[in-house]
Amino acid sequence: MSDWSWEFMADAAEVVAGLPPSAARQVEVIARRLTDAASVKHLAEPSVEESGVSKLQSFAEGPWIVWFMEHQRWRTVLITRITNPWLEP
C-alpha cells in the first residue's frame, strides 16, 4: 500500500468520458500501480528550487496508454489522458 494517491486531471468526466465501466476500472488499476511505483521511486522531497512536478510521461499496459505526471509535493499521480486504440468510440 502506498502513501501516494492518484486523481484525474482535469476530472474523470473529461479523462475517461465515454468508457464503459469495466474499461474505467482497468484504468483505475493502472493508476494504482503507478502510485505504488512513484512511492518507491521518490525517497526524498524535492528541493525548494524544484516544483516537484514531473514532465508529462506515458505508460503502456495491455491495450492502454496512460499519460500522467507525478507531483512529489502532493504525493499524487495526475492522470491526464488515456488511450486504447482498439476500443470502439
N, C-alpha and C. Protein backbone atom coordinates (compact mmCIF):
# COMPACT_ATOMS: atom_id res chain seq x y z
N MET A 1 0.84 -1.18 0.00
CA MET A 1 0.00 0.00 0.00
C MET A 1 0.88 1.23 0.00
N SER A 2 0.50 2.21 -0.77
CA SER A 2 1.28 3.41 -0.98
C SER A 2 0.72 4.59 -0.19
N ASP A 3 1.60 5.51 0.19
CA ASP A 3 1.12 6.75 0.80
C ASP A 3 0.83 7.79 -0.28
N TRP A 4 1.02 7.42 -1.53
CA TRP A 4 0.67 8.27 -2.66
C TRP A 4 -0.77 8.01 -3.06
N SER A 5 -1.36 8.99 -3.75
CA SER A 5 -2.72 8.81 -4.29
C SER A 5 -2.68 9.18 -5.77
N TRP A 6 -3.80 9.03 -6.43
CA TRP A 6 -3.88 9.43 -7.83
C TRP A 6 -5.21 10.14 -8.04
N GLU A 7 -5.25 10.93 -9.09
CA GLU A 7 -6.51 11.59 -9.46
C GLU A 7 -6.46 11.94 -10.94
N PHE A 8 -7.65 12.14 -11.49
CA PHE A 8 -7.73 12.57 -12.88
C PHE A 8 -7.51 14.08 -12.93
N MET A 9 -6.80 14.53 -13.96
CA MET A 9 -6.57 15.95 -14.14
C MET A 9 -7.15 16.31 -15.50
N ALA A 10 -8.07 16.98 -15.65
CA ALA A 10 -8.97 17.89 -15.02
C ALA A 10 -9.99 17.15 -14.14
N ASP A 11 -10.73 16.23 -14.69
CA ASP A 11 -11.63 15.40 -13.87
C ASP A 11 -11.97 14.13 -14.63
N ALA A 12 -12.61 13.20 -13.95
CA ALA A 12 -12.94 11.90 -14.55
C ALA A 12 -13.85 12.06 -15.76
N ALA A 13 -14.77 13.00 -15.70
CA ALA A 13 -15.70 13.19 -16.81
C ALA A 13 -14.96 13.53 -18.10
N GLU A 14 -13.82 14.17 -17.98
CA GLU A 14 -13.06 14.53 -19.18
C GLU A 14 -12.09 13.43 -19.59
N VAL A 15 -11.42 12.80 -18.63
CA VAL A 15 -10.37 11.84 -18.95
C VAL A 15 -10.93 10.49 -19.39
N VAL A 16 -11.92 9.98 -18.71
CA VAL A 16 -12.47 8.66 -19.05
C VAL A 16 -13.88 8.76 -19.62
N ALA A 17 -14.23 9.91 -20.14
CA ALA A 17 -15.58 10.12 -20.70
C ALA A 17 -15.88 9.08 -21.78
N GLY A 18 -17.04 8.48 -21.68
CA GLY A 18 -17.49 7.54 -22.70
C GLY A 18 -16.98 6.13 -22.56
N LEU A 19 -16.12 5.86 -21.61
CA LEU A 19 -15.63 4.50 -21.43
C LEU A 19 -16.66 3.66 -20.71
N PRO A 20 -16.78 2.40 -21.08
CA PRO A 20 -17.63 1.50 -20.30
C PRO A 20 -17.07 1.36 -18.88
N PRO A 21 -17.92 1.08 -17.90
CA PRO A 21 -17.43 0.96 -16.51
C PRO A 21 -16.28 -0.04 -16.35
N SER A 22 -16.30 -1.15 -17.08
CA SER A 22 -15.22 -2.13 -16.95
C SER A 22 -13.89 -1.55 -17.45
N ALA A 23 -13.93 -0.75 -18.49
CA ALA A 23 -12.71 -0.12 -19.01
C ALA A 23 -12.20 0.94 -18.04
N ALA A 24 -13.10 1.72 -17.45
CA ALA A 24 -12.69 2.72 -16.47
C ALA A 24 -12.03 2.05 -15.27
N ARG A 25 -12.52 0.88 -14.86
CA ARG A 25 -11.90 0.15 -13.74
C ARG A 25 -10.49 -0.31 -14.10
N GLN A 26 -10.28 -0.72 -15.36
CA GLN A 26 -8.94 -1.12 -15.80
C GLN A 26 -7.97 0.06 -15.69
N VAL A 27 -8.42 1.24 -16.07
CA VAL A 27 -7.59 2.43 -15.97
C VAL A 27 -7.27 2.74 -14.51
N GLU A 28 -8.23 2.57 -13.62
CA GLU A 28 -8.01 2.81 -12.19
C GLU A 28 -6.98 1.84 -11.62
N VAL A 29 -6.98 0.60 -12.08
CA VAL A 29 -5.99 -0.38 -11.62
C VAL A 29 -4.59 0.07 -12.05
N ILE A 30 -4.45 0.53 -13.29
CA ILE A 30 -3.16 1.03 -13.77
C ILE A 30 -2.74 2.25 -12.96
N ALA A 31 -3.67 3.13 -12.66
CA ALA A 31 -3.35 4.33 -11.87
C ALA A 31 -2.83 3.94 -10.48
N ARG A 32 -3.43 2.93 -9.87
CA ARG A 32 -2.94 2.47 -8.56
C ARG A 32 -1.52 1.91 -8.66
N ARG A 33 -1.24 1.19 -9.74
CA ARG A 33 0.12 0.67 -9.94
C ARG A 33 1.13 1.81 -10.10
N LEU A 34 0.73 2.85 -10.81
CA LEU A 34 1.63 3.99 -10.98
C LEU A 34 1.90 4.67 -9.65
N THR A 35 0.91 4.77 -8.78
CA THR A 35 1.14 5.38 -7.46
C THR A 35 2.07 4.52 -6.62
N ASP A 36 1.92 3.21 -6.70
CA ASP A 36 2.82 2.33 -5.97
C ASP A 36 4.26 2.50 -6.46
N ALA A 37 4.43 2.60 -7.76
CA ALA A 37 5.77 2.79 -8.33
C ALA A 37 6.35 4.14 -7.92
N ALA A 38 5.54 5.18 -7.93
CA ALA A 38 6.01 6.52 -7.56
C ALA A 38 6.45 6.55 -6.10
N SER A 39 5.74 5.85 -5.23
CA SER A 39 6.09 5.87 -3.81
C SER A 39 7.42 5.19 -3.54
N VAL A 40 7.79 4.24 -4.38
CA VAL A 40 9.07 3.55 -4.21
C VAL A 40 10.21 4.37 -4.80
N LYS A 41 9.95 5.04 -5.90
CA LYS A 41 11.00 5.75 -6.64
C LYS A 41 11.44 7.03 -5.93
N HIS A 42 10.52 7.74 -5.30
CA HIS A 42 10.84 9.03 -4.70
C HIS A 42 11.07 8.87 -3.20
N LEU A 43 12.33 8.99 -2.80
CA LEU A 43 12.68 8.77 -1.41
C LEU A 43 12.82 10.06 -0.61
N ALA A 44 12.88 11.20 -1.29
CA ALA A 44 13.05 12.46 -0.58
C ALA A 44 12.21 13.54 -1.25
N GLU A 45 11.91 14.57 -0.49
CA GLU A 45 11.17 15.71 -1.04
C GLU A 45 12.06 16.47 -2.02
N PRO A 46 11.48 17.08 -3.05
CA PRO A 46 12.28 17.91 -3.95
C PRO A 46 12.78 19.15 -3.21
N SER A 47 13.87 19.72 -3.70
CA SER A 47 14.39 20.93 -3.07
C SER A 47 13.42 22.08 -3.30
N VAL A 48 13.57 23.16 -2.54
CA VAL A 48 12.65 24.29 -2.66
C VAL A 48 12.75 24.95 -4.03
N GLU A 49 13.87 24.76 -4.72
CA GLU A 49 14.02 25.34 -6.05
C GLU A 49 13.26 24.55 -7.12
N GLU A 50 12.90 23.34 -6.82
CA GLU A 50 12.21 22.48 -7.79
C GLU A 50 10.71 22.52 -7.55
N SER A 51 9.95 22.37 -8.63
CA SER A 51 8.49 22.39 -8.49
C SER A 51 7.97 21.08 -7.89
N GLY A 52 8.68 20.00 -8.15
CA GLY A 52 8.21 18.70 -7.68
C GLY A 52 7.25 18.03 -8.63
N VAL A 53 6.98 18.67 -9.79
CA VAL A 53 6.07 18.09 -10.77
C VAL A 53 6.90 17.57 -11.95
N SER A 54 6.69 16.32 -12.30
CA SER A 54 7.44 15.73 -13.41
C SER A 54 6.93 16.24 -14.75
N LYS A 55 7.68 15.96 -15.77
CA LYS A 55 7.21 16.20 -17.14
C LYS A 55 6.11 15.19 -17.44
N LEU A 56 5.35 15.44 -18.49
CA LEU A 56 4.32 14.51 -18.91
C LEU A 56 5.00 13.20 -19.33
N GLN A 57 4.51 12.10 -18.78
CA GLN A 57 5.08 10.78 -19.06
C GLN A 57 3.98 9.88 -19.58
N SER A 58 4.37 8.79 -20.21
CA SER A 58 3.37 7.82 -20.66
C SER A 58 3.75 6.43 -20.16
N PHE A 59 2.74 5.61 -19.99
CA PHE A 59 2.91 4.24 -19.54
C PHE A 59 1.92 3.40 -20.33
N ALA A 60 2.39 2.29 -20.88
CA ALA A 60 1.51 1.40 -21.65
C ALA A 60 1.41 0.05 -20.96
N GLU A 61 0.19 -0.43 -20.88
CA GLU A 61 -0.06 -1.77 -20.33
C GLU A 61 -1.24 -2.36 -21.09
N GLY A 62 -1.02 -3.53 -21.68
CA GLY A 62 -2.07 -4.13 -22.49
C GLY A 62 -2.47 -3.16 -23.59
N PRO A 63 -3.77 -2.93 -23.77
CA PRO A 63 -4.20 -2.01 -24.83
C PRO A 63 -4.19 -0.55 -24.41
N TRP A 64 -3.85 -0.26 -23.15
CA TRP A 64 -3.97 1.10 -22.62
C TRP A 64 -2.66 1.87 -22.69
N ILE A 65 -2.76 3.14 -23.04
CA ILE A 65 -1.67 4.09 -22.90
C ILE A 65 -2.18 5.17 -21.96
N VAL A 66 -1.45 5.39 -20.89
CA VAL A 66 -1.85 6.35 -19.86
C VAL A 66 -0.80 7.46 -19.81
N TRP A 67 -1.24 8.71 -19.96
CA TRP A 67 -0.36 9.86 -19.81
C TRP A 67 -0.57 10.42 -18.41
N PHE A 68 0.55 10.73 -17.74
CA PHE A 68 0.45 11.16 -16.35
C PHE A 68 1.62 12.05 -15.98
N MET A 69 1.47 12.72 -14.85
CA MET A 69 2.55 13.48 -14.22
C MET A 69 2.60 13.09 -12.75
N GLU A 70 3.78 13.12 -12.18
CA GLU A 70 3.93 12.86 -10.75
C GLU A 70 4.14 14.19 -10.04
N HIS A 71 3.36 14.42 -9.00
CA HIS A 71 3.54 15.62 -8.19
C HIS A 71 4.11 15.17 -6.85
N GLN A 72 5.42 15.36 -6.68
CA GLN A 72 6.11 14.84 -5.49
C GLN A 72 5.65 15.52 -4.21
N ARG A 73 5.40 16.81 -4.25
CA ARG A 73 5.00 17.51 -3.02
C ARG A 73 3.62 17.03 -2.53
N TRP A 74 2.72 16.80 -3.46
CA TRP A 74 1.38 16.33 -3.09
C TRP A 74 1.34 14.81 -2.95
N ARG A 75 2.42 14.14 -3.39
CA ARG A 75 2.44 12.67 -3.42
C ARG A 75 1.24 12.13 -4.19
N THR A 76 1.09 12.68 -5.39
CA THR A 76 -0.07 12.37 -6.22
C THR A 76 0.36 12.12 -7.66
N VAL A 77 -0.22 11.09 -8.27
CA VAL A 77 -0.05 10.86 -9.70
C VAL A 77 -1.28 11.46 -10.38
N LEU A 78 -1.04 12.35 -11.32
CA LEU A 78 -2.12 13.03 -12.03
C LEU A 78 -2.30 12.38 -13.40
N ILE A 79 -3.42 11.71 -13.60
CA ILE A 79 -3.73 11.05 -14.87
C ILE A 79 -4.35 12.09 -15.79
N THR A 80 -3.67 12.40 -16.90
CA THR A 80 -4.13 13.48 -17.77
C THR A 80 -4.88 12.99 -18.99
N ARG A 81 -4.56 11.79 -19.46
CA ARG A 81 -5.20 11.28 -20.68
C ARG A 81 -5.00 9.78 -20.74
N ILE A 82 -5.97 9.09 -21.32
CA ILE A 82 -5.85 7.65 -21.55
C ILE A 82 -6.26 7.36 -22.98
N THR A 83 -5.66 6.32 -23.55
CA THR A 83 -6.00 5.91 -24.91
C THR A 83 -5.99 4.40 -24.99
N ASN A 84 -6.95 3.89 -25.72
CA ASN A 84 -6.98 2.48 -26.08
C ASN A 84 -7.33 2.45 -27.57
N PRO A 85 -6.35 2.25 -28.43
CA PRO A 85 -6.60 2.34 -29.88
C PRO A 85 -7.58 1.30 -30.41
N TRP A 86 -7.80 0.23 -29.65
CA TRP A 86 -8.69 -0.83 -30.13
C TRP A 86 -10.11 -0.71 -29.59
N LEU A 87 -10.33 0.24 -28.73
CA LEU A 87 -11.66 0.44 -28.16
C LEU A 87 -12.51 1.27 -29.13
N GLU A 88 -13.65 0.75 -29.49
CA GLU A 88 -14.51 1.48 -30.41
C GLU A 88 -15.10 2.70 -29.71
N PRO A 89 -15.15 3.83 -30.44
CA PRO A 89 -15.70 5.06 -29.81
C PRO A 89 -17.18 4.95 -29.52
